[in-house]
């Protein structure tokens, strides 16, 4: 048993060492990020919006697009009303968007909706009619200068660009706050530093732009996490996913635990699928990429996608059992066994409490982007932020052993961009 415990300790130490480089991202991200010069050219863009029964919110998104300080003649909006049973299509058409209605109960992921939309655009206009494509969810809202700022990054040569994700309903409850802190933490502690070093960041669902040349043959990412698959694929091809910190958009977060679990299980399954499909390609990139930064991108993407919890928790349990076995040999009282069980519980969840300082950093450094929240709630949301990670771990284990289907996440917030600005 001593040998097993020793081996487990080595494995845990190796895993910790492999992820230690991320501390640099946290430190640098507090103070630095990449800046883009004003664009020399205003590019022509298509905005893609997959929507299912989003009549409550889609009008507000389309209104925020119409309020952009970017030339309207260079923007075309395309909505796919995907298996809708409400007025989503009608509202989209009222706002002047190109709206295609899709009815396919067998292929229900967002990726299939995007694939359908690209097929229609290619048929009617040609994919090459636009320099780049934005992807938004129907509940998103864009700040007035969003497209202009993204155009600055795109014009600088970035082929894929993601942006600053904020939250419409940060202060609803601890569930929405957990999501909100997570997105802001990603910007502060990952995206900013990666972009500063010229490294690739990652797309997270929506609020991103990419060159039309990347989809000249259509959209092929149809798994439960099409964003993760797209990110890993372009990185493995040596393309950097840039980040524009000055382009800010908002989305709505779940407030119900049942809905949050449904969404997190879908994310987890999609991430597992992405790792299954691309891990070999990423490792090949680590070895074969000539550009050192692209090598780092492939390694970083591998570590990001690697299902750590699936490997780390069993190692911790085996290690703990090995240690306890040695103790039990010499006899233990019942109360000591209870203490061992409590210790095991602490071992499995203790690392999540390390994110509390991260939450406090978010409130401290990103306060200009956060609506006023009372101090006692700042403390509450910071202390409960570990729940976001714990739900993620639970969802990963559930997704590993279960078939997960794509279900829509309901959006109810009728907040308009003018209220947030």
Protein backbone atom coordinates (compact mmCIF):
# COMPACT_ATOMS: atom_id res chain seq x y z
CA UNK A 1 0.00 0.00 0.00
CA UNK A 2 2.89 2.36 0.66
CA UNK A 3 4.04 1.90 -2.94
CA UNK A 4 0.53 2.71 -4.24
CA UNK A 5 0.35 5.83 -2.10
CA UNK A 6 3.81 6.90 -3.31
CA UNK A 7 2.82 6.39 -6.95
CA UNK A 8 -0.42 8.33 -6.51
CA UNK A 9 1.51 11.17 -4.90
CA UNK A 10 3.84 11.32 -7.89
CA UNK A 11 0.92 11.37 -10.34
CA UNK A 12 -0.80 14.18 -8.43
CA UNK A 13 2.45 16.15 -8.35
CA UNK A 14 2.97 15.69 -12.11
CA UNK A 15 -0.57 16.85 -12.88
CA UNK A 16 -0.09 19.89 -10.66
CA UNK A 17 3.20 20.73 -12.39
CA UNK A 18 1.62 20.44 -15.85
CA UNK A 19 -1.02 23.02 -14.93
CA UNK A 20 1.28 25.34 -12.97
CA UNK A 21 2.01 27.54 -15.99
CA UNK A 22 -1.49 28.98 -15.69
CA UNK A 23 -0.43 31.00 -12.66
CA UNK A 24 1.41 33.25 -15.13
CA UNK A 25 -1.89 33.95 -16.92
CA UNK A 26 -3.50 35.07 -13.67
CA UNK A 27 -0.69 37.44 -12.71
CA UNK A 28 -0.23 38.99 -16.15
CA UNK A 29 -3.97 39.20 -16.84
CA UNK A 30 -4.49 41.48 -13.86
CA UNK A 31 -2.54 44.22 -15.62
CA UNK A 32 -2.02 43.46 -19.32
CA UNK A 33 -3.91 42.56 -22.47
CA UNK A 34 -3.44 43.00 -26.20
CA UNK A 35 -4.51 46.31 -27.69
CA UNK A 36 -5.61 46.74 -31.30
CA UNK A 37 -5.09 49.83 -33.43
CA UNK A 38 -8.09 51.38 -35.20
CA UNK A 39 -8.87 49.43 -38.36
CA UNK A 40 -7.86 50.79 -41.74
CA UNK A 41 -10.75 48.99 -43.44
CA UNK A 42 -14.33 48.38 -42.48
CA UNK A 43 -15.11 44.77 -43.40
CA UNK A 44 -18.40 43.25 -44.45
CA UNK A 45 -19.93 40.90 -41.88
CA UNK A 46 -22.77 38.45 -41.48
CA UNK A 47 -24.29 37.98 -38.04
CA UNK A 48 -25.61 34.48 -37.35
CA UNK A 49 -28.24 33.85 -34.67
CA UNK A 50 -29.50 30.31 -33.99
CA UNK A 51 -32.75 30.64 -32.03
CA UNK A 52 -35.33 28.26 -30.63
CA UNK A 53 -38.46 29.80 -29.09
CA UNK A 54 -36.68 33.05 -28.24
CA UNK A 55 -39.48 35.56 -28.89
CA UNK A 56 -38.92 37.11 -25.44
CA UNK A 57 -35.33 38.16 -26.07
CA UNK A 58 -34.41 38.12 -29.76
CA UNK A 59 -35.93 41.53 -30.46
CA UNK A 60 -33.63 43.09 -27.86
CA UNK A 61 -30.57 41.54 -29.50
CA UNK A 62 -31.63 42.75 -32.95
CA UNK A 63 -32.24 46.21 -31.50
CA UNK A 64 -28.72 46.28 -30.03
CA UNK A 65 -27.35 45.31 -33.46
CA UNK A 66 -29.28 48.12 -35.13
CA UNK A 67 -27.75 50.58 -32.62
CA UNK A 68 -24.15 49.72 -33.55
CA UNK A 69 -21.85 52.58 -34.56
CA UNK A 70 -20.68 50.43 -37.49
CA UNK A 71 -22.03 51.13 -41.02
CA UNK A 72 -25.32 49.25 -41.30
CA UNK A 73 -24.79 48.56 -45.00
CA UNK A 74 -21.82 46.35 -44.07
CA UNK A 75 -23.88 44.15 -41.73
CA UNK A 76 -26.37 41.45 -42.66
CA UNK A 77 -28.27 39.55 -39.98
CA UNK A 78 -29.28 35.90 -40.46
CA UNK A 79 -31.55 34.07 -38.03
CA UNK A 80 -32.34 30.37 -38.09
CA UNK A 81 -35.63 29.77 -36.29
CA UNK A 82 -34.75 26.26 -35.23
CA UNK A 83 -37.78 24.06 -34.50
CA UNK A 84 -39.64 27.09 -33.15
CA UNK A 85 -43.26 27.00 -32.01
CA UNK A 86 -43.51 30.68 -31.06
CA UNK A 87 -43.09 34.06 -32.75
CA UNK A 88 -39.30 34.04 -33.10
CA UNK A 89 -39.35 34.00 -36.91
CA UNK A 90 -41.98 36.74 -37.12
CA UNK A 91 -40.01 39.07 -34.84
CA UNK A 92 -36.77 38.42 -36.74
CA UNK A 93 -38.45 39.34 -40.02
CA UNK A 94 -39.98 42.46 -38.50
CA UNK A 95 -36.47 43.65 -37.66
CA UNK A 96 -35.36 43.04 -41.24
CA UNK A 97 -33.26 39.95 -40.60
CA UNK A 98 -32.94 37.14 -43.13
CA UNK A 99 -34.84 34.38 -41.38
CA UNK A 100 -34.76 30.70 -42.32
CA UNK A 101 -37.05 28.28 -40.54
CA UNK A 102 -35.70 24.83 -39.81
CA UNK A 103 -37.72 21.78 -38.74
CA UNK A 104 -35.66 18.71 -37.91
CA UNK A 105 -36.36 16.85 -34.68
CA UNK A 106 -33.50 14.39 -35.21
CA UNK A 107 -30.64 16.88 -35.42
CA UNK A 108 -31.24 19.38 -32.66
CA UNK A 109 -27.89 20.81 -31.59
CA UNK A 110 -26.86 24.41 -32.16
CA UNK A 111 -24.16 23.09 -34.47
CA UNK A 112 -26.75 21.58 -36.81
CA UNK A 113 -28.66 24.88 -36.83
CA UNK A 114 -25.47 26.71 -37.86
CA UNK A 115 -24.76 24.08 -40.51
CA UNK A 116 -28.25 24.61 -41.94
CA UNK A 117 -27.77 28.38 -41.91
CA UNK A 118 -24.46 28.24 -43.77
CA UNK A 119 -26.04 25.97 -46.40
CA UNK A 120 -28.78 28.55 -46.99
CA UNK A 121 -26.34 31.46 -47.09
CA UNK A 122 -24.13 29.61 -49.56
CA UNK A 123 -27.14 28.80 -51.72
CA UNK A 124 -28.59 32.33 -51.75
CA UNK A 125 -25.53 34.59 -51.53
CA UNK A 126 -22.35 32.54 -51.34
CA UNK A 127 -20.30 32.13 -48.17
CA UNK A 128 -17.57 34.31 -49.67
CA UNK A 129 -19.98 37.28 -49.87
CA UNK A 130 -18.82 38.26 -46.38
CA UNK A 131 -15.35 38.81 -44.95
CA UNK A 132 -16.32 37.33 -41.62
CA UNK A 133 -19.10 35.79 -39.57
CA UNK A 134 -20.27 36.61 -36.05
CA UNK A 135 -22.13 34.04 -33.94
CA UNK A 136 -24.49 35.13 -31.16
CA UNK A 137 -27.16 33.49 -29.06
CA UNK A 138 -30.61 35.06 -29.13
CA UNK A 139 -30.33 36.30 -25.53
CA UNK A 140 -27.16 38.31 -26.20
CA UNK A 141 -26.92 42.10 -26.18
CA UNK A 142 -24.10 44.10 -27.80
CA UNK A 143 -22.57 47.34 -26.62
CA UNK A 144 -22.77 50.12 -29.18
CA UNK A 145 -19.12 49.87 -30.27
CA UNK A 146 -18.96 46.07 -30.26
CA UNK A 147 -18.65 45.43 -34.00
CA UNK A 148 -16.25 48.37 -34.46
CA UNK A 149 -13.93 47.00 -31.79
CA UNK A 150 -14.11 43.49 -33.23
CA UNK A 151 -13.36 44.92 -36.66
CA UNK A 152 -10.18 46.47 -35.24
CA UNK A 153 -9.00 43.01 -34.20
CA UNK A 154 -10.13 41.34 -37.43
CA UNK A 155 -8.44 44.01 -39.58
CA UNK A 156 -5.18 43.45 -37.70
CA UNK A 157 -5.03 39.94 -39.16
CA UNK A 158 -6.85 37.84 -36.56
CA UNK A 159 -8.79 35.06 -38.28
CA UNK A 160 -10.77 34.13 -35.19
CA UNK A 161 -11.63 36.60 -32.41
CA UNK A 162 -13.63 36.21 -29.23
CA UNK A 163 -14.76 38.98 -26.91
CA UNK A 164 -15.58 40.13 -23.38
CA UNK A 165 -18.60 38.28 -22.00
CA UNK A 166 -20.69 40.01 -19.37
CA UNK A 167 -24.01 39.11 -17.74
CA UNK A 168 -27.47 40.69 -17.90
CA UNK A 169 -28.70 39.18 -14.64
CA UNK A 170 -25.58 38.97 -12.46
CA UNK A 171 -27.37 39.80 -9.21
CA UNK A 172 -30.40 37.48 -9.51
CA UNK A 173 -29.08 34.75 -7.20
CA UNK A 174 -25.99 32.65 -6.42
CA UNK A 175 -26.46 30.50 -9.53
CA UNK A 176 -26.50 33.39 -12.02
CA UNK A 177 -23.69 35.07 -10.06
CA UNK A 178 -21.59 31.91 -10.28
CA UNK A 179 -21.89 31.89 -14.05
CA UNK A 180 -21.19 35.63 -14.24
CA UNK A 181 -18.05 35.40 -12.13
CA UNK A 182 -16.88 32.45 -14.23
CA UNK A 183 -17.09 34.40 -17.50
CA UNK A 184 -15.36 37.44 -16.02
CA UNK A 185 -12.69 35.25 -14.41
CA UNK A 186 -12.00 33.68 -17.81
CA UNK A 187 -11.46 37.13 -19.28
CA UNK A 188 -9.32 38.37 -16.40
CA UNK A 189 -7.28 35.27 -15.59
CA UNK A 190 -7.00 33.58 -19.00
CA UNK A 191 -7.95 35.58 -22.09
CA UNK A 192 -6.12 38.81 -21.30
CA UNK A 193 -2.74 37.20 -20.69
CA UNK A 194 -3.05 34.76 -23.57
CA UNK A 195 -3.76 37.60 -25.98
CA UNK A 196 -0.93 39.70 -24.53
CA UNK A 197 1.55 36.90 -25.23
CA UNK A 198 0.12 36.29 -28.70
CA UNK A 199 -1.30 32.93 -27.65
CA UNK A 200 -4.65 31.42 -28.52
CA UNK A 201 -7.60 31.69 -26.18
CA UNK A 202 -10.88 29.76 -26.49
CA UNK A 203 -14.34 30.41 -27.82
CA UNK A 204 -17.11 30.02 -25.26
CA UNK A 205 -20.45 29.53 -26.93
CA UNK A 206 -21.13 32.90 -28.51
CA UNK A 207 -19.75 36.38 -29.05
CA UNK A 208 -17.06 35.47 -31.56
CA UNK A 209 -16.02 36.30 -35.12
CA UNK A 210 -14.17 34.25 -37.72
CA UNK A 211 -12.98 34.63 -41.28
CA UNK A 212 -15.19 33.31 -44.08
CA UNK A 213 -12.26 31.29 -45.43
CA UNK A 214 -12.56 28.96 -42.43
CA UNK A 215 -16.06 27.91 -43.50
CA UNK A 216 -15.68 28.00 -47.27
CA UNK A 217 -16.82 24.36 -47.28
CA UNK A 218 -19.57 24.93 -44.72
CA UNK A 219 -19.91 24.37 -40.96
CA UNK A 220 -18.93 20.90 -39.75
CA UNK A 221 -19.10 21.21 -35.95
CA UNK A 222 -22.35 19.62 -34.80
CA UNK A 223 -21.55 18.02 -31.41
CA UNK A 224 -23.04 19.18 -28.10
CA UNK A 225 -20.21 21.71 -27.70
CA UNK A 226 -19.63 23.02 -31.22
CA UNK A 227 -17.69 25.98 -29.81
CA UNK A 228 -15.10 23.73 -28.16
CA UNK A 229 -14.77 21.55 -31.27
CA UNK A 230 -14.32 24.60 -33.51
CA UNK A 231 -11.73 26.09 -31.14
CA UNK A 232 -9.64 22.94 -30.91
CA UNK A 233 -9.81 22.30 -34.64
CA UNK A 234 -8.56 25.74 -35.67
CA UNK A 235 -5.83 25.68 -33.00
CA UNK A 236 -4.65 22.27 -34.20
CA UNK A 237 -4.39 23.80 -37.69
CA UNK A 238 -2.07 26.51 -36.39
CA UNK A 239 -4.66 29.31 -36.25
CA UNK A 240 -4.67 31.61 -33.23
CA UNK A 241 -7.96 32.44 -31.52
CA UNK A 242 -7.54 36.11 -30.63
CA UNK A 243 -9.25 38.11 -27.91
CA UNK A 244 -10.63 41.66 -28.03
CA UNK A 245 -11.06 42.88 -24.47
CA UNK A 246 -12.73 46.11 -25.56
CA UNK A 247 -15.63 44.39 -27.36
CA UNK A 248 -18.25 43.71 -24.70
CA UNK A 249 -21.52 41.79 -24.91
CA UNK A 250 -24.02 40.44 -22.40
CA UNK A 251 -25.99 37.24 -22.04
CA UNK A 252 -28.47 35.75 -19.61
CA UNK A 253 -27.48 33.15 -17.02
CA UNK A 254 -29.66 30.39 -15.52
CA UNK A 255 -31.14 31.06 -12.11
CA UNK A 256 -32.66 27.62 -11.54
CA UNK A 257 -30.46 24.73 -10.36
CA UNK A 258 -32.31 22.21 -12.52
CA UNK A 259 -31.72 24.31 -15.65
CA UNK A 260 -28.09 24.90 -14.69
CA UNK A 261 -27.49 21.15 -14.29
CA UNK A 262 -29.10 20.50 -17.67
CA UNK A 263 -26.82 23.02 -19.33
CA UNK A 264 -23.66 21.90 -17.53
CA UNK A 265 -24.28 18.24 -18.43
CA UNK A 266 -24.56 19.23 -22.08
CA UNK A 267 -21.35 21.26 -21.86
CA UNK A 268 -19.56 18.40 -20.12
CA UNK A 269 -20.65 15.84 -22.71
CA UNK A 270 -19.62 18.16 -25.52
CA UNK A 271 -16.21 18.74 -23.95
CA UNK A 272 -15.68 15.01 -23.54
CA UNK A 273 -16.60 14.53 -27.20
CA UNK A 274 -14.18 17.25 -28.25
CA UNK A 275 -11.32 15.66 -26.30
CA UNK A 276 -12.15 12.27 -27.80
CA UNK A 277 -12.13 13.67 -31.33
CA UNK A 278 -9.12 15.99 -31.21
CA UNK A 279 -6.62 14.96 -28.51
CA UNK A 280 -4.35 13.17 -30.97
CA UNK A 281 -4.39 16.11 -33.36
CA UNK A 282 -3.41 18.48 -30.54
CA UNK A 283 -0.48 16.29 -29.45
CA UNK A 284 0.70 16.09 -33.06
CA UNK A 285 0.56 19.89 -33.13
CA UNK A 286 2.70 20.11 -29.99
CA UNK A 287 5.36 18.06 -31.76
CA UNK A 288 5.16 19.32 -35.32
CA UNK A 289 4.22 23.00 -35.15
CA UNK A 290 7.19 25.14 -36.18
CA UNK A 291 6.00 28.29 -34.43
CA UNK A 292 6.68 28.00 -30.68
CA UNK A 293 3.52 29.92 -29.79
CA UNK A 294 1.40 27.55 -31.85
CA UNK A 295 3.05 24.62 -30.05
CA UNK A 296 2.06 26.23 -26.75
CA UNK A 297 -1.48 26.76 -28.09
CA UNK A 298 -1.84 23.05 -28.83
CA UNK A 299 -0.48 22.08 -25.41
CA UNK A 300 -2.71 24.64 -23.68
CA UNK A 301 -5.79 23.46 -25.61
CA UNK A 302 -4.97 19.85 -24.70
CA UNK A 303 -4.72 20.74 -21.00
CA UNK A 304 -7.92 22.81 -21.16
CA UNK A 305 -9.90 20.01 -22.81
CA UNK A 306 -8.36 17.18 -20.78
CA UNK A 307 -11.11 15.80 -18.46
CA UNK A 308 -9.02 16.34 -15.34
CA UNK A 309 -11.71 15.46 -12.82
CA UNK A 310 -12.19 12.00 -14.39
CA UNK A 311 -8.54 11.16 -13.73
CA UNK A 312 -7.73 13.16 -10.62
CA UNK A 313 -10.57 12.08 -8.32
CA UNK A 314 -9.91 8.30 -8.73
CA UNK A 315 -6.21 8.91 -8.06
CA UNK A 316 -7.05 10.84 -4.89
CA UNK A 317 -9.42 8.13 -3.72
CA UNK A 318 -6.91 5.34 -4.36
CA UNK A 319 -4.25 7.33 -2.55
CA UNK A 320 -6.54 7.94 0.40
CA UNK A 321 -7.57 4.26 0.60
CA UNK A 322 -3.92 3.24 0.56
CA UNK A 323 -3.10 5.59 3.44
CA UNK A 324 -6.17 4.50 5.43
CA UNK A 325 -5.36 0.82 4.92
CA UNK A 326 -2.02 1.29 6.60
CA UNK A 327 -3.73 3.04 9.50
CA UNK A 328 -6.50 0.45 9.89
CA UNK A 329 -3.91 -2.34 10.23
CA UNK A 330 -3.16 -1.05 13.70
CA UNK A 331 -6.82 -0.70 14.66
CA UNK A 332 -8.92 2.45 14.81
CA UNK A 333 -11.94 3.57 16.80
CA UNK A 334 -15.32 4.26 15.21
CA UNK A 335 -14.92 8.00 15.62
CA UNK A 336 -11.61 7.84 13.75
CA UNK A 337 -13.35 6.11 10.82
CA UNK A 338 -15.86 8.95 10.74
CA UNK A 339 -12.96 11.41 10.70
CA UNK A 340 -11.45 9.52 7.75
CA UNK A 341 -14.70 9.83 5.80
CA UNK A 342 -14.81 13.56 6.54
CA UNK A 343 -11.18 13.87 5.48
CA UNK A 344 -11.96 12.12 2.17
CA UNK A 345 -14.82 14.53 1.54
CA UNK A 346 -12.49 17.46 2.18
CA UNK A 347 -9.86 16.01 -0.17
CA UNK A 348 -12.38 15.76 -3.00
CA UNK A 349 -13.83 19.26 -2.70
CA UNK A 350 -11.17 21.35 -0.94
CA UNK A 351 -9.47 22.47 -4.16
CA UNK A 352 -12.68 24.19 -5.25
CA UNK A 353 -12.46 26.61 -2.35
CA UNK A 354 -9.26 27.97 -3.88
CA UNK A 355 -11.42 29.86 -6.38
CA UNK A 356 -12.82 32.17 -3.70
CA UNK A 357 -9.84 34.57 -4.00
CA UNK A 358 -10.39 34.46 -7.78
CA UNK A 359 -13.95 35.67 -7.29
CA UNK A 360 -12.74 38.50 -5.08
CA UNK A 361 -10.18 39.46 -7.74
CA UNK A 362 -12.98 39.62 -10.30
CA UNK A 363 -14.98 42.02 -8.13
CA UNK A 364 -11.86 44.10 -7.45
CA UNK A 365 -10.46 44.36 -10.97
CA UNK A 366 -13.65 44.19 -13.08
CA UNK A 367 -15.85 46.46 -10.97
CA UNK A 368 -16.34 48.89 -13.87
CA UNK A 369 -18.11 46.14 -15.79
CA UNK A 370 -20.31 45.00 -12.90
CA UNK A 371 -23.55 46.69 -11.90
CA UNK A 372 -23.61 47.89 -8.32
CA UNK A 373 -23.86 44.96 -5.92
CA UNK A 374 -24.10 45.39 -2.15
CA UNK A 375 -21.05 44.36 -0.13
CA UNK A 376 -22.76 41.50 1.68
CA UNK A 377 -23.75 40.02 -1.68
CA UNK A 378 -20.21 40.38 -3.01
CA UNK A 379 -19.07 38.30 -0.03
CA UNK A 380 -21.92 35.81 -0.50
CA UNK A 381 -21.26 35.35 -4.22
CA UNK A 382 -17.54 34.93 -3.63
CA UNK A 383 -18.03 32.33 -0.89
CA UNK A 384 -20.54 30.36 -2.97
CA UNK A 385 -18.54 30.52 -6.21
CA UNK A 386 -17.02 27.05 -5.52
CA UNK A 387 -20.49 25.64 -6.28
CA UNK A 388 -19.92 26.45 -9.95
CA UNK A 389 -16.92 24.12 -10.07
CA UNK A 390 -18.59 21.42 -7.99
CA UNK A 391 -21.59 21.39 -10.33
CA UNK A 392 -19.16 21.11 -13.23
CA UNK A 393 -17.45 18.09 -11.68
CA UNK A 394 -20.76 16.37 -10.98
CA UNK A 395 -21.95 17.11 -14.51
CA UNK A 396 -18.79 15.62 -16.01
CA UNK A 397 -19.25 12.34 -14.15
CA UNK A 398 -22.93 12.18 -15.13
CA UNK A 399 -22.07 12.95 -18.77
CA UNK A 400 -19.36 10.27 -18.81
CA UNK A 401 -21.84 7.48 -18.12
CA UNK A 402 -25.01 8.84 -19.72
CA UNK A 403 -26.31 9.82 -23.10
CA UNK A 404 -27.04 13.55 -23.01
CA UNK A 405 -29.46 15.15 -25.44
CA UNK A 406 -29.56 18.79 -26.45
CA UNK A 407 -32.33 20.74 -24.70
CA UNK A 408 -32.90 24.50 -25.02
CA UNK A 409 -32.20 26.80 -22.09
CA UNK A 410 -35.17 29.13 -21.49
CA UNK A 411 -34.49 32.88 -21.51
CA UNK A 412 -36.85 35.25 -19.71
CA UNK A 413 -34.89 38.44 -19.08
CA UNK A 414 -36.36 41.35 -21.05
CA UNK A 415 -33.44 43.67 -20.27
CA UNK A 416 -32.48 46.03 -23.10
CA UNK A 417 -28.97 47.21 -23.96
CA UNK A 418 -29.87 50.83 -23.14
CA UNK A 419 -30.52 49.81 -19.53
CA UNK A 420 -27.11 48.16 -19.25
CA UNK A 421 -25.18 50.94 -20.97
